[in-house]
Amino acid sequence: MLSKGGCPKTMLSIRDALETLEGKWKLLILFSLSEGPKRFKQISRDVPGITDKTLSKELKRLETHQLILREVFNTFPPTVQYSITAHGMSLEKLLDELHYWGLLHRKEIIGK
């Protein structure tokens, strides 16, 4: 566990992580891709409520941060597939913990 009384520099890594993963969609997209490579429409179906425009924007941001890989296959029409990178898979434990916490939270607070 991190020390709570550290200098502001100790918060830089947390701030960087939150800025990289900010928003309500990125973690859901990563969770979807943790199951294996997918095409755009497959991810769209896995993440209810996301628009195509937003999904496209978030995929580009995740690719910029090297959390996902976008592969274009030489077919007609071109086939595009997204997969999670090794760097993205380093978030697997965090995603599992968030999923578990969300289940408990829903049961404790929302499910009463």
PDB file of N, CA and C in Angstrom:
ATOM      1  N   MET A   1       0.845  -1.190   0.000  1.00  0.00           N
ATOM      2  CA  MET A   1       0.000   0.000   0.000  1.00  0.00           C
ATOM      3  C   MET A   1       0.876   1.233   0.000  1.00  0.00           C
ATOM      4  N   LEU A   2       0.465   2.240  -0.707  1.00  0.00           N
ATOM      5  CA  LEU A   2       1.210   3.481  -0.766  1.00  0.00           C
ATOM      6  C   LEU A   2       1.060   4.270   0.525  1.00  0.00           C
ATOM      7  N   SER A   3       2.098   4.981   0.875  1.00  0.00           N
ATOM      8  CA  SER A   3       2.052   5.865   2.026  1.00  0.00           C
ATOM      9  C   SER A   3       1.121   7.027   1.720  1.00  0.00           C
ATOM     10  N   LYS A   4       0.260   7.371   2.656  1.00  0.00           N
ATOM     11  CA  LYS A   4      -0.685   8.466   2.443  1.00  0.00           C
ATOM     12  C   LYS A   4      -0.047   9.825   2.666  1.00  0.00           C
ATOM     13  N   GLY A   5       1.055   9.876   3.402  1.00  0.00           N
ATOM     14  CA  GLY A   5       1.651  11.150   3.757  1.00  0.00           C
ATOM     15  C   GLY A   5       2.826  11.537   2.895  1.00  0.00           C
ATOM     16  N   GLY A   6       2.929  11.015   1.695  1.00  0.00           N
ATOM     17  CA  GLY A   6       4.065  11.304   0.831  1.00  0.00           C
ATOM     18  C   GLY A   6       3.963  12.669   0.181  1.00  0.00           C
ATOM     19  N   CYS A   7       5.010  13.016  -0.514  1.00  0.00           N
ATOM     20  CA  CYS A   7       5.025  14.297  -1.212  1.00  0.00           C
ATOM     21  C   CYS A   7       4.161  14.207  -2.462  1.00  0.00           C
ATOM     22  N   PRO A   8       3.832  15.357  -3.056  1.00  0.00           N
ATOM     23  CA  PRO A   8       2.987  15.340  -4.253  1.00  0.00           C
ATOM     24  C   PRO A   8       3.553  14.485  -5.396  1.00  0.00           C
ATOM     25  N   LYS A   9       4.876  14.301  -5.436  1.00  0.00           N
ATOM     26  CA  LYS A   9       5.469  13.481  -6.504  1.00  0.00           C
ATOM     27  C   LYS A   9       4.963  12.045  -6.458  1.00  0.00           C
ATOM     28  N   THR A  10       4.627  11.545  -5.258  1.00  0.00           N
ATOM     29  CA  THR A  10       4.142  10.170  -5.159  1.00  0.00           C
ATOM     30  C   THR A  10       2.775  10.010  -5.797  1.00  0.00           C
ATOM     31  N   MET A  11       2.073  11.104  -6.002  1.00  0.00           N
ATOM     32  CA  MET A  11       0.749  11.054  -6.614  1.00  0.00           C
ATOM     33  C   MET A  11       0.813  11.090  -8.138  1.00  0.00           C
ATOM     34  N   LEU A  12       1.979  11.357  -8.703  1.00  0.00           N
ATOM     35  CA  LEU A  12       2.099  11.467 -10.155  1.00  0.00           C
ATOM     36  C   LEU A  12       1.697  10.183 -10.867  1.00  0.00           C
ATOM     37  N   SER A  13       2.121   9.059 -10.322  1.00  0.00           N
ATOM     38  CA  SER A  13       1.803   7.793 -10.988  1.00  0.00           C
ATOM     39  C   SER A  13       0.299   7.519 -10.956  1.00  0.00           C
ATOM     40  N   ILE A  14      -0.354   7.872  -9.862  1.00  0.00           N
ATOM     41  CA  ILE A  14      -1.811   7.683  -9.772  1.00  0.00           C
ATOM     42  C   ILE A  14      -2.510   8.625 -10.741  1.00  0.00           C
ATOM     43  N   ARG A  15      -2.059   9.874 -10.796  1.00  0.00           N
ATOM     44  CA  ARG A  15      -2.647  10.837 -11.721  1.00  0.00           C
ATOM     45  C   ARG A  15      -2.475  10.369 -13.165  1.00  0.00           C
ATOM     46  N   ASP A  16      -1.274   9.881 -13.493  1.00  0.00           N
ATOM     47  CA  ASP A  16      -1.021   9.392 -14.858  1.00  0.00           C
ATOM     48  C   ASP A  16      -1.961   8.241 -15.209  1.00  0.00           C
ATOM     49  N   ALA A  17      -2.130   7.315 -14.271  1.00  0.00           N
ATOM     50  CA  ALA A  17      -3.021   6.172 -14.514  1.00  0.00           C
ATOM     51  C   ALA A  17      -4.461   6.638 -14.711  1.00  0.00           C
ATOM     52  N   LEU A  18      -4.918   7.552 -13.866  1.00  0.00           N
ATOM     53  CA  LEU A  18      -6.295   8.038 -13.982  1.00  0.00           C
ATOM     54  C   LEU A  18      -6.505   8.813 -15.279  1.00  0.00           C
ATOM     55  N   GLU A  19      -5.529   9.600 -15.693  1.00  0.00           N
ATOM     56  CA  GLU A  19      -5.654  10.329 -16.955  1.00  0.00           C
ATOM     57  C   GLU A  19      -5.685   9.379 -18.145  1.00  0.00           C
ATOM     58  N   THR A  20      -4.933   8.300 -18.078  1.00  0.00           N
ATOM     59  CA  THR A  20      -4.902   7.324 -19.163  1.00  0.00           C
ATOM     60  C   THR A  20      -6.218   6.561 -19.261  1.00  0.00           C
ATOM     61  N   LEU A  21      -6.814   6.250 -18.125  1.00  0.00           N
ATOM     62  CA  LEU A  21      -8.008   5.409 -18.089  1.00  0.00           C
ATOM     63  C   LEU A  21      -9.296   6.181 -17.819  1.00  0.00           C
ATOM     64  N   GLU A  22      -9.225   7.527 -17.827  1.00  0.00           N
ATOM     65  CA  GLU A  22     -10.391   8.341 -17.488  1.00  0.00           C
ATOM     66  C   GLU A  22     -11.561   8.091 -18.425  1.00  0.00           C
ATOM     67  N   GLY A  23     -12.732   8.368 -17.918  1.00  0.00           N
ATOM     68  CA  GLY A  23     -13.948   8.191 -18.695  1.00  0.00           C
ATOM     69  C   GLY A  23     -14.626   6.879 -18.346  1.00  0.00           C
ATOM     70  N   LYS A  24     -15.841   6.749 -18.830  1.00  0.00           N
ATOM     71  CA  LYS A  24     -16.610   5.553 -18.469  1.00  0.00           C
ATOM     72  C   LYS A  24     -16.458   4.400 -19.448  1.00  0.00           C
ATOM     73  N   TRP A  25     -15.721   4.590 -20.544  1.00  0.00           N
ATOM     74  CA  TRP A  25     -15.684   3.567 -21.577  1.00  0.00           C
ATOM     75  C   TRP A  25     -14.393   2.768 -21.656  1.00  0.00           C
ATOM     76  N   LYS A  26     -13.262   3.375 -21.357  1.00  0.00           N
ATOM     77  CA  LYS A  26     -11.980   2.715 -21.613  1.00  0.00           C
ATOM     78  C   LYS A  26     -11.837   1.388 -20.878  1.00  0.00           C
ATOM     79  N   LEU A  27     -12.179   1.348 -19.618  1.00  0.00           N
ATOM     80  CA  LEU A  27     -12.047   0.095 -18.875  1.00  0.00           C
ATOM     81  C   LEU A  27     -13.006  -0.967 -19.390  1.00  0.00           C
ATOM     82  N   LEU A  28     -14.190  -0.543 -19.825  1.00  0.00           N
ATOM     83  CA  LEU A  28     -15.143  -1.506 -20.388  1.00  0.00           C
ATOM     84  C   LEU A  28     -14.634  -2.071 -21.716  1.00  0.00           C
ATOM     85  N   ILE A  29     -14.011  -1.229 -22.522  1.00  0.00           N
ATOM     86  CA  ILE A  29     -13.430  -1.694 -23.783  1.00  0.00           C
ATOM     87  C   ILE A  29     -12.300  -2.679 -23.503  1.00  0.00           C
ATOM     88  N   LEU A  30     -11.437  -2.336 -22.549  1.00  0.00           N
ATOM     89  CA  LEU A  30     -10.336  -3.241 -22.194  1.00  0.00           C
ATOM     90  C   LEU A  30     -10.868  -4.558 -21.645  1.00  0.00           C
ATOM     91  N   PHE A  31     -11.926  -4.493 -20.852  1.00  0.00           N
ATOM     92  CA  PHE A  31     -12.535  -5.711 -20.309  1.00  0.00           C
ATOM     93  C   PHE A  31     -13.047  -6.585 -21.455  1.00  0.00           C
ATOM     94  N   SER A  32     -13.672  -5.968 -22.444  1.00  0.00           N
ATOM     95  CA  SER A  32     -14.156  -6.712 -23.608  1.00  0.00           C
ATOM     96  C   SER A  32     -12.996  -7.375 -24.349  1.00  0.00           C
ATOM     97  N   LEU A  33     -11.928  -6.620 -24.570  1.00  0.00           N
ATOM     98  CA  LEU A  33     -10.789  -7.157 -25.321  1.00  0.00           C
ATOM     99  C   LEU A  33      -9.964  -8.160 -24.530  1.00  0.00           C
ATOM    100  N   SER A  34     -10.141  -8.187 -23.218  1.00  0.00           N
ATOM    101  CA  SER A  34      -9.404  -9.169 -22.413  1.00  0.00           C
ATOM    102  C   SER A  34      -9.870 -10.595 -22.719  1.00  0.00           C
ATOM    103  N   GLU A  35     -11.030 -10.719 -23.363  1.00  0.00           N
ATOM    104  CA  GLU A  35     -11.553 -12.034 -23.763  1.00  0.00           C
ATOM    105  C   GLU A  35     -10.908 -12.532 -25.052  1.00  0.00           C
ATOM    106  N   GLY A  36     -10.235 -11.638 -25.773  1.00  0.00           N
ATOM    107  CA  GLY A  36      -9.604 -12.015 -27.032  1.00  0.00           C
ATOM    108  C   GLY A  36      -9.822 -10.944 -28.083  1.00  0.00           C
ATOM    109  N   PRO A  37      -9.126 -11.073 -29.224  1.00  0.00           N
ATOM    110  CA  PRO A  37      -9.237 -10.085 -30.294  1.00  0.00           C
ATOM    111  C   PRO A  37     -10.675  -9.972 -30.806  1.00  0.00           C
ATOM    112  N   LYS A  38     -11.053  -8.731 -31.172  1.00  0.00           N
ATOM    113  CA  LYS A  38     -12.416  -8.493 -31.645  1.00  0.00           C
ATOM    114  C   LYS A  38     -12.420  -7.425 -32.718  1.00  0.00           C
ATOM    115  N   ARG A  39     -13.458  -7.461 -33.529  1.00  0.00           N
ATOM    116  CA  ARG A  39     -13.697  -6.418 -34.518  1.00  0.00           C
ATOM    117  C   ARG A  39     -14.534  -5.322 -33.870  1.00  0.00           C
ATOM    118  N   PHE A  40     -14.608  -4.185 -34.547  1.00  0.00           N
ATOM    119  CA  PHE A  40     -15.270  -2.992 -34.025  1.00  0.00           C
ATOM    120  C   PHE A  40     -16.689  -3.293 -33.543  1.00  0.00           C
ATOM    121  N   LYS A  41     -17.488  -3.925 -34.378  1.00  0.00           N
ATOM    122  CA  LYS A  41     -18.899  -4.186 -34.031  1.00  0.00           C
ATOM    123  C   LYS A  41     -19.030  -5.147 -32.854  1.00  0.00           C
ATOM    124  N   GLN A  42     -18.087  -6.071 -32.710  1.00  0.00           N
ATOM    125  CA  GLN A  42     -18.120  -6.982 -31.564  1.00  0.00           C
ATOM    126  C   GLN A  42     -17.902  -6.203 -30.269  1.00  0.00           C
ATOM    127  N   ILE A  43     -16.957  -5.277 -30.289  1.00  0.00           N
ATOM    128  CA  ILE A  43     -16.705  -4.450 -29.105  1.00  0.00           C
ATOM    129  C   ILE A  43     -17.926  -3.585 -28.830  1.00  0.00           C
ATOM    130  N   SER A  44     -18.501  -3.022 -29.878  1.00  0.00           N
ATOM    131  CA  SER A  44     -19.687  -2.176 -29.736  1.00  0.00           C
ATOM    132  C   SER A  44     -20.834  -2.929 -29.066  1.00  0.00           C
ATOM    133  N   ARG A  45     -21.018  -4.192 -29.424  1.00  0.00           N
ATOM    134  CA  ARG A  45     -22.074  -5.002 -28.795  1.00  0.00           C
ATOM    135  C   ARG A  45     -21.752  -5.311 -27.336  1.00  0.00           C
ATOM    136  N   ASP A  46     -20.464  -5.472 -27.024  1.00  0.00           N
ATOM    137  CA  ASP A  46     -20.051  -5.788 -25.650  1.00  0.00           C
ATOM    138  C   ASP A  46     -20.202  -4.604 -24.698  1.00  0.00           C
ATOM    139  N   VAL A  47     -20.182  -3.392 -25.241  1.00  0.00           N
ATOM    140  CA  VAL A  47     -20.203  -2.182 -24.417  1.00  0.00           C
ATOM    141  C   VAL A  47     -21.504  -1.430 -24.709  1.00  0.00           C
ATOM    142  N   PRO A  48     -22.592  -1.816 -24.030  1.00  0.00           N
ATOM    143  CA  PRO A  48     -23.885  -1.199 -24.312  1.00  0.00           C
ATOM    144  C   PRO A  48     -23.884   0.301 -24.006  1.00  0.00           C
ATOM    145  N   GLY A  49     -24.504   1.048 -24.907  1.00  0.00           N
ATOM    146  CA  GLY A  49     -24.650   2.479 -24.690  1.00  0.00           C
ATOM    147  C   GLY A  49     -23.591   3.328 -25.362  1.00  0.00           C
ATOM    148  N   ILE A  50     -22.520   2.731 -25.829  1.00  0.00           N
ATOM    149  CA  ILE A  50     -21.453   3.501 -26.467  1.00  0.00           C
ATOM    150  C   ILE A  50     -21.816   3.745 -27.933  1.00  0.00           C
ATOM    151  N   THR A  51     -21.592   4.961 -28.403  1.00  0.00           N
ATOM    152  CA  THR A  51     -21.837   5.265 -29.811  1.00  0.00           C
ATOM    153  C   THR A  51     -20.618   4.858 -30.634  1.00  0.00           C
ATOM    154  N   ASP A  52     -20.815   4.673 -31.922  1.00  0.00           N
ATOM    155  CA  ASP A  52     -19.702   4.313 -32.799  1.00  0.00           C
ATOM    156  C   ASP A  52     -18.629   5.401 -32.790  1.00  0.00           C
ATOM    157  N   LYS A  53     -19.051   6.657 -32.772  1.00  0.00           N
ATOM    158  CA  LYS A  53     -18.106   7.773 -32.762  1.00  0.00           C
ATOM    159  C   LYS A  53     -17.251   7.747 -31.497  1.00  0.00           C
ATOM    160  N   THR A  54     -17.886   7.535 -30.355  1.00  0.00           N
ATOM    161  CA  THR A  54     -17.159   7.482 -29.086  1.00  0.00           C
ATOM    162  C   THR A  54     -16.247   6.267 -29.032  1.00  0.00           C
ATOM    163  N   LEU A  55     -16.737   5.120 -29.490  1.00  0.00           N
ATOM    164  CA  LEU A  55     -15.909   3.911 -29.498  1.00  0.00           C
ATOM    165  C   LEU A  55     -14.669   4.125 -30.352  1.00  0.00           C
ATOM    166  N   SER A  56     -14.842   4.715 -31.510  1.00  0.00           N
ATOM    167  CA  SER A  56     -13.709   4.976 -32.391  1.00  0.00           C
ATOM    168  C   SER A  56     -12.688   5.886 -31.705  1.00  0.00           C
ATOM    169  N   LYS A  57     -13.162   6.937 -31.055  1.00  0.00           N
ATOM    170  CA  LYS A  57     -12.285   7.881 -30.359  1.00  0.00           C
ATOM    171  C   LYS A  57     -11.539   7.194 -29.210  1.00  0.00           C
ATOM    172  N   GLU A  58     -12.243   6.381 -28.436  1.00  0.00           N
ATOM    173  CA  GLU A  58     -11.627   5.705 -27.295  1.00  0.00           C
ATOM    174  C   GLU A  58     -10.624   4.638 -27.747  1.00  0.00           C
ATOM    175  N   LEU A  59     -10.921   3.940 -28.835  1.00  0.00           N
ATOM    176  CA  LEU A  59      -9.986   2.949 -29.367  1.00  0.00           C
ATOM    177  C   LEU A  59      -8.684   3.628 -29.800  1.00  0.00           C
ATOM    178  N   LYS A  60      -8.796   4.790 -30.424  1.00  0.00           N
ATOM    179  CA  LYS A  60      -7.601   5.532 -30.829  1.00  0.00           C
ATOM    180  C   LYS A  60      -6.775   5.948 -29.620  1.00  0.00           C
ATOM    181  N   ARG A  61      -7.440   6.396 -28.563  1.00  0.00           N
ATOM    182  CA  ARG A  61      -6.723   6.794 -27.345  1.00  0.00           C
ATOM    183  C   ARG A  61      -6.039   5.601 -26.688  1.00  0.00           C
ATOM    184  N   LEU A  62      -6.729   4.479 -26.633  1.00  0.00           N
ATOM    185  CA  LEU A  62      -6.129   3.281 -26.038  1.00  0.00           C
ATOM    186  C   LEU A  62      -4.945   2.802 -26.870  1.00  0.00           C
ATOM    187  N   GLU A  63      -5.047   2.943 -28.184  1.00  0.00           N
ATOM    188  CA  GLU A  63      -3.938   2.567 -29.055  1.00  0.00           C
ATOM    189  C   GLU A  63      -2.745   3.511 -28.841  1.00  0.00           C
ATOM    190  N   THR A  64      -3.017   4.793 -28.674  1.00  0.00           N
ATOM    191  CA  THR A  64      -1.958   5.778 -28.422  1.00  0.00           C
ATOM    192  C   THR A  64      -1.186   5.445 -27.149  1.00  0.00           C
ATOM    193  N   HIS A  65      -1.894   4.953 -26.151  1.00  0.00           N
ATOM    194  CA  HIS A  65      -1.267   4.580 -24.876  1.00  0.00           C
ATOM    195  C   HIS A  65      -0.723   3.147 -24.900  1.00  0.00           C
ATOM    196  N   GLN A  66      -0.748   2.524 -26.063  1.00  0.00           N
ATOM    197  CA  GLN A  66      -0.217   1.178 -26.281  1.00  0.00           C
ATOM    198  C   GLN A  66      -0.891   0.121 -25.403  1.00  0.00           C
ATOM    199  N   LEU A  67      -2.175   0.342 -25.110  1.00  0.00           N
ATOM    200  CA  LEU A  67      -2.935  -0.635 -24.342  1.00  0.00           C
ATOM    201  C   LEU A  67      -3.648  -1.620 -25.260  1.00  0.00           C
ATOM    202  N   ILE A  68      -3.890  -1.207 -26.498  1.00  0.00           N
ATOM    203  CA  ILE A  68      -4.491  -2.104 -27.494  1.00  0.00           C
ATOM    204  C   ILE A  68      -3.702  -2.000 -28.792  1.00  0.00           C
ATOM    205  N   LEU A  69      -3.905  -3.002 -29.628  1.00  0.00           N
ATOM    206  CA  LEU A  69      -3.266  -3.055 -30.943  1.00  0.00           C
ATOM    207  C   LEU A  69      -4.362  -3.094 -31.997  1.00  0.00           C
ATOM    208  N   ARG A  70      -4.224  -2.261 -33.012  1.00  0.00           N
ATOM    209  CA  ARG A  70      -5.151  -2.241 -34.141  1.00  0.00           C
ATOM    210  C   ARG A  70      -4.444  -2.876 -35.324  1.00  0.00           C
ATOM    211  N   GLU A  71      -5.022  -3.957 -35.836  1.00  0.00           N
ATOM    212  CA  GLU A  71      -4.440  -4.656 -36.976  1.00  0.00           C
ATOM    213  C   GLU A  71      -5.380  -4.555 -38.174  1.00  0.00           C
ATOM    214  N   VAL A  72      -4.831  -4.177 -39.303  1.00  0.00           N
ATOM    215  CA  VAL A  72      -5.596  -4.104 -40.545  1.00  0.00           C
ATOM    216  C   VAL A  72      -5.127  -5.242 -41.433  1.00  0.00           C
ATOM    217  N   PHE A  73      -6.060  -6.082 -41.854  1.00  0.00           N
ATOM    218  CA  PHE A  73      -5.749  -7.230 -42.700  1.00  0.00           C
ATOM    219  C   PHE A  73      -6.024  -6.886 -44.155  1.00  0.00           C
ATOM    220  N   ASN A  74      -5.175  -7.406 -45.015  1.00  0.00           N
ATOM    221  CA  ASN A  74      -5.249  -7.123 -46.443  1.00  0.00           C
ATOM    222  C   ASN A  74      -6.341  -7.964 -47.095  1.00  0.00           C
ATOM    223  N   THR A  75      -7.575  -7.570 -46.841  1.00  0.00           N
ATOM    224  CA  THR A  75      -8.733  -8.227 -47.443  1.00  0.00           C
ATOM    225  C   THR A  75      -9.565  -7.154 -48.130  1.00  0.00           C
ATOM    226  N   PHE A  76     -10.567  -7.570 -48.860  1.00  0.00           N
ATOM    227  CA  PHE A  76     -11.465  -6.598 -49.466  1.00  0.00           C
ATOM    228  C   PHE A  76     -12.885  -6.895 -49.036  1.00  0.00           C
ATOM    229  N   PRO A  77     -13.542  -6.000 -48.345  1.00  0.00           N
ATOM    230  CA  PRO A  77     -12.993  -4.759 -47.783  1.00  0.00           C
ATOM    231  C   PRO A  77     -12.005  -5.063 -46.658  1.00  0.00           C
ATOM    232  N   PRO A  78     -11.179  -4.083 -46.296  1.00  0.00           N
ATOM    233  CA  PRO A  78     -10.183  -4.322 -45.241  1.00  0.00           C
ATOM    234  C   PRO A  78     -10.844  -4.759 -43.931  1.00  0.00           C
ATOM    235  N   THR A  79     -10.235  -5.727 -43.289  1.00  0.00           N
ATOM    236  CA  THR A  79     -10.703  -6.196 -41.995  1.00  0.00           C
ATOM    237  C   THR A  79      -9.818  -5.580 -40.920  1.00  0.00           C
ATOM    238  N   VAL A  80     -10.452  -5.006 -39.902  1.00  0.00           N
ATOM    239  CA  VAL A  80      -9.717  -4.400 -38.791  1.00  0.00           C
ATOM    240  C   VAL A  80     -10.063  -5.170 -37.527  1.00  0.00           C
ATOM    241  N   GLN A  81      -9.040  -5.518 -36.782  1.00  0.00           N
ATOM    242  CA  GLN A  81      -9.214  -6.276 -35.537  1.00  0.00           C
ATOM    243  C   GLN A  81      -8.437  -5.583 -34.422  1.00  0.00           C
ATOM    244  N   TYR A  82      -9.030  -5.559 -33.252  1.00  0.00           N
ATOM    245  CA  TYR A  82      -8.393  -4.950 -32.082  1.00  0.00           C
ATOM    246  C   TYR A  82      -8.075  -6.045 -31.070  1.00  0.00           C
ATOM    247  N   SER A  83      -6.928  -5.904 -30.424  1.00  0.00           N
ATOM    248  CA  SER A  83      -6.554  -6.841 -29.369  1.00  0.00           C
ATOM    249  C   SER A  83      -5.838  -6.068 -28.270  1.00  0.00           C
ATOM    250  N   ILE A  84      -5.830  -6.653 -27.116  1.00  0.00           N
ATOM    251  CA  ILE A  84      -5.165  -6.022 -25.976  1.00  0.00           C
ATOM    252  C   ILE A  84      -3.677  -6.381 -26.030  1.00  0.00           C
ATOM    253  N   THR A  85      -2.834  -5.422 -25.722  1.00  0.00           N
ATOM    254  CA  THR A  85      -1.386  -5.655 -25.733  1.00  0.00           C
ATOM    255  C   THR A  85      -0.949  -6.236 -24.389  1.00  0.00           C
ATOM    256  N   ALA A  86       0.298  -6.639 -24.304  1.00  0.00           N
ATOM    257  CA  ALA A  86       0.846  -7.110 -23.024  1.00  0.00           C
ATOM    258  C   ALA A  86       0.771  -5.995 -21.983  1.00  0.00           C
ATOM    259  N   HIS A  87       1.029  -4.766 -22.432  1.00  0.00           N
ATOM    260  CA  HIS A  87       0.926  -3.620 -21.519  1.00  0.00           C
ATOM    261  C   HIS A  87      -0.513  -3.471 -21.024  1.00  0.00           C
ATOM    262  N   GLY A  88      -1.477  -3.652 -21.921  1.00  0.00           N
ATOM    263  CA  GLY A  88      -2.887  -3.598 -21.533  1.00  0.00           C
ATOM    264  C   GLY A  88      -3.272  -4.730 -20.602  1.00  0.00           C
ATOM    265  N   MET A  89      -2.703  -5.921 -20.847  1.00  0.00           N
ATOM    266  CA  MET A  89      -3.003  -7.075 -19.983  1.00  0.00           C
ATOM    267  C   MET A  89      -2.468  -6.882 -18.566  1.00  0.00           C
ATOM    268  N   SER A  90      -1.527  -5.956 -18.411  1.00  0.00           N
ATOM    269  CA  SER A  90      -1.039  -5.680 -17.050  1.00  0.00           C
ATOM    270  C   SER A  90      -2.139  -5.067 -16.193  1.00  0.00           C
ATOM    271  N   LEU A  91      -3.246  -4.654 -16.807  1.00  0.00           N
ATOM    272  CA  LEU A  91      -4.396  -4.114 -16.068  1.00  0.00           C
ATOM    273  C   LEU A  91      -5.395  -5.200 -15.681  1.00  0.00           C
ATOM    274  N   GLU A  92      -5.108  -6.440 -16.037  1.00  0.00           N
ATOM    275  CA  GLU A  92      -6.066  -7.530 -15.801  1.00  0.00           C
ATOM    276  C   GLU A  92      -6.466  -7.648 -14.331  1.00  0.00           C
ATOM    277  N   LYS A  93      -5.504  -7.580 -13.447  1.00  0.00           N
ATOM    278  CA  LYS A  93      -5.815  -7.686 -12.014  1.00  0.00           C
ATOM    279  C   LYS A  93      -6.695  -6.518 -11.566  1.00  0.00           C
ATOM    280  N   LEU A  94      -6.390  -5.324 -12.054  1.00  0.00           N
ATOM    281  CA  LEU A  94      -7.203  -4.152 -11.729  1.00  0.00           C
ATOM    282  C   LEU A  94      -8.631  -4.326 -12.240  1.00  0.00           C
ATOM    283  N   LEU A  95      -8.781  -4.802 -13.468  1.00  0.00           N
ATOM    284  CA  LEU A  95     -10.115  -5.021 -14.036  1.00  0.00           C
ATOM    285  C   LEU A  95     -10.894  -6.054 -13.227  1.00  0.00           C
ATOM    286  N   ASP A  96     -10.220  -7.136 -12.837  1.00  0.00           N
ATOM    287  CA  ASP A  96     -10.874  -8.162 -12.015  1.00  0.00           C
ATOM    288  C   ASP A  96     -11.321  -7.590 -10.677  1.00  0.00           C
ATOM    289  N   GLU A  97     -10.450  -6.801 -10.054  1.00  0.00           N
ATOM    290  CA  GLU A  97     -10.786  -6.198  -8.758  1.00  0.00           C
ATOM    291  C   GLU A  97     -11.935  -5.204  -8.887  1.00  0.00           C
ATOM    292  N   LEU A  98     -11.941  -4.394  -9.955  1.00  0.00           N
ATOM    293  CA  LEU A  98     -13.043  -3.455 -10.175  1.00  0.00           C
ATOM    294  C   LEU A  98     -14.349  -4.200 -10.414  1.00  0.00           C
ATOM    295  N   HIS A  99     -14.275  -5.287 -11.174  1.00  0.00           N
ATOM    296  CA  HIS A  99     -15.466  -6.106 -11.421  1.00  0.00           C
ATOM    297  C   HIS A  99     -16.006  -6.660 -10.102  1.00  0.00           C
ATOM    298  N   TYR A 100     -15.142  -7.216  -9.285  1.00  0.00           N
ATOM    299  CA  TYR A 100     -15.558  -7.778  -7.998  1.00  0.00           C
ATOM    300  C   TYR A 100     -16.116  -6.690  -7.089  1.00  0.00           C
ATOM    301  N   TRP A 101     -15.431  -5.545  -6.999  1.00  0.00           N
ATOM    302  CA  TRP A 101     -15.903  -4.455  -6.151  1.00  0.00           C
ATOM    303  C   TRP A 101     -17.264  -3.961  -6.627  1.00  0.00           C
ATOM    304  N   GLY A 102     -17.432  -3.857  -7.967  1.00  0.00           N
ATOM    305  CA  GLY A 102     -18.708  -3.412  -8.520  1.00  0.00           C
ATOM    306  C   GLY A 102     -19.850  -4.345  -8.156  1.00  0.00           C
ATOM    307  N   LEU A 103     -19.587  -5.657  -8.166  1.00  0.00           N
ATOM    308  CA  LEU A 103     -20.609  -6.622  -7.761  1.00  0.00           C
ATOM    309  C   LEU A 103     -20.994  -6.433  -6.300  1.00  0.00           C
ATOM    310  N   LEU A 104     -19.983  -6.262  -5.438  1.00  0.00           N
ATOM    311  CA  LEU A 104     -20.252  -6.039  -4.017  1.00  0.00           C
ATOM    312  C   LEU A 104     -20.993  -4.721  -3.790  1.00  0.00           C
ATOM    313  N   HIS A 105     -20.573  -3.685  -4.497  1.00  0.00           N
ATOM    314  CA  HIS A 105     -21.203  -2.381  -4.360  1.00  0.00           C
ATOM    315  C   HIS A 105     -22.671  -2.441  -4.785  1.00  0.00           C
ATOM    316  N   ARG A 106     -22.894  -3.088  -5.913  1.00  0.00           N
ATOM    317  CA  ARG A 106     -24.269  -3.216  -6.399  1.00  0.00           C
ATOM    318  C   ARG A 106     -25.138  -3.955  -5.378  1.00  0.00           C
ATOM    319  N   LYS A 107     -24.596  -5.016  -4.803  1.00  0.00           N
ATOM    320  CA  LYS A 107     -25.341  -5.799  -3.819  1.00  0.00           C
ATOM    321  C   LYS A 107     -25.569  -4.988  -2.537  1.00  0.00           C
ATOM    322  N   GLU A 108     -24.536  -4.300  -2.073  1.00  0.00           N
ATOM    323  CA  GLU A 108     -24.596  -3.552  -0.818  1.00  0.00           C
ATOM    324  C   GLU A 108     -25.440  -2.290  -0.912  1.00  0.00           C
ATOM    325  N   ILE A 109     -25.239  -1.511  -1.950  1.00  0.00           N
ATOM    326  CA  ILE A 109     -25.867  -0.198  -2.048  1.00  0.00           C
ATOM    327  C   ILE A 109     -27.089  -0.204  -2.964  1.00  0.00           C
ATOM    328  N   ILE A 110     -26.906  -0.680  -4.154  1.00  0.00           N
ATOM    329  CA  ILE A 110     -27.964  -0.596  -5.149  1.00  0.00           C
ATOM    330  C   ILE A 110     -29.024  -1.679  -4.938  1.00  0.00           C
ATOM    331  N   GLY A 111     -28.596  -2.847  -4.490  1.00  0.00           N
ATOM    332  CA  GLY A 111     -29.499  -3.981  -4.384  1.00  0.00           C
ATOM    333  C   GLY A 111     -30.336  -4.032  -3.113  1.00  0.00           C
ATOM    334  N   LYS A 112     -30.252  -3.028  -2.263  1.00  0.00           N
ATOM    335  CA  LYS A 112     -31.025  -3.058  -1.007  1.00  0.00           C
ATOM    336  C   LYS A 112     -32.489  -2.830  -1.233  1.00  0.00           C
TER     337      LYS A 112
END
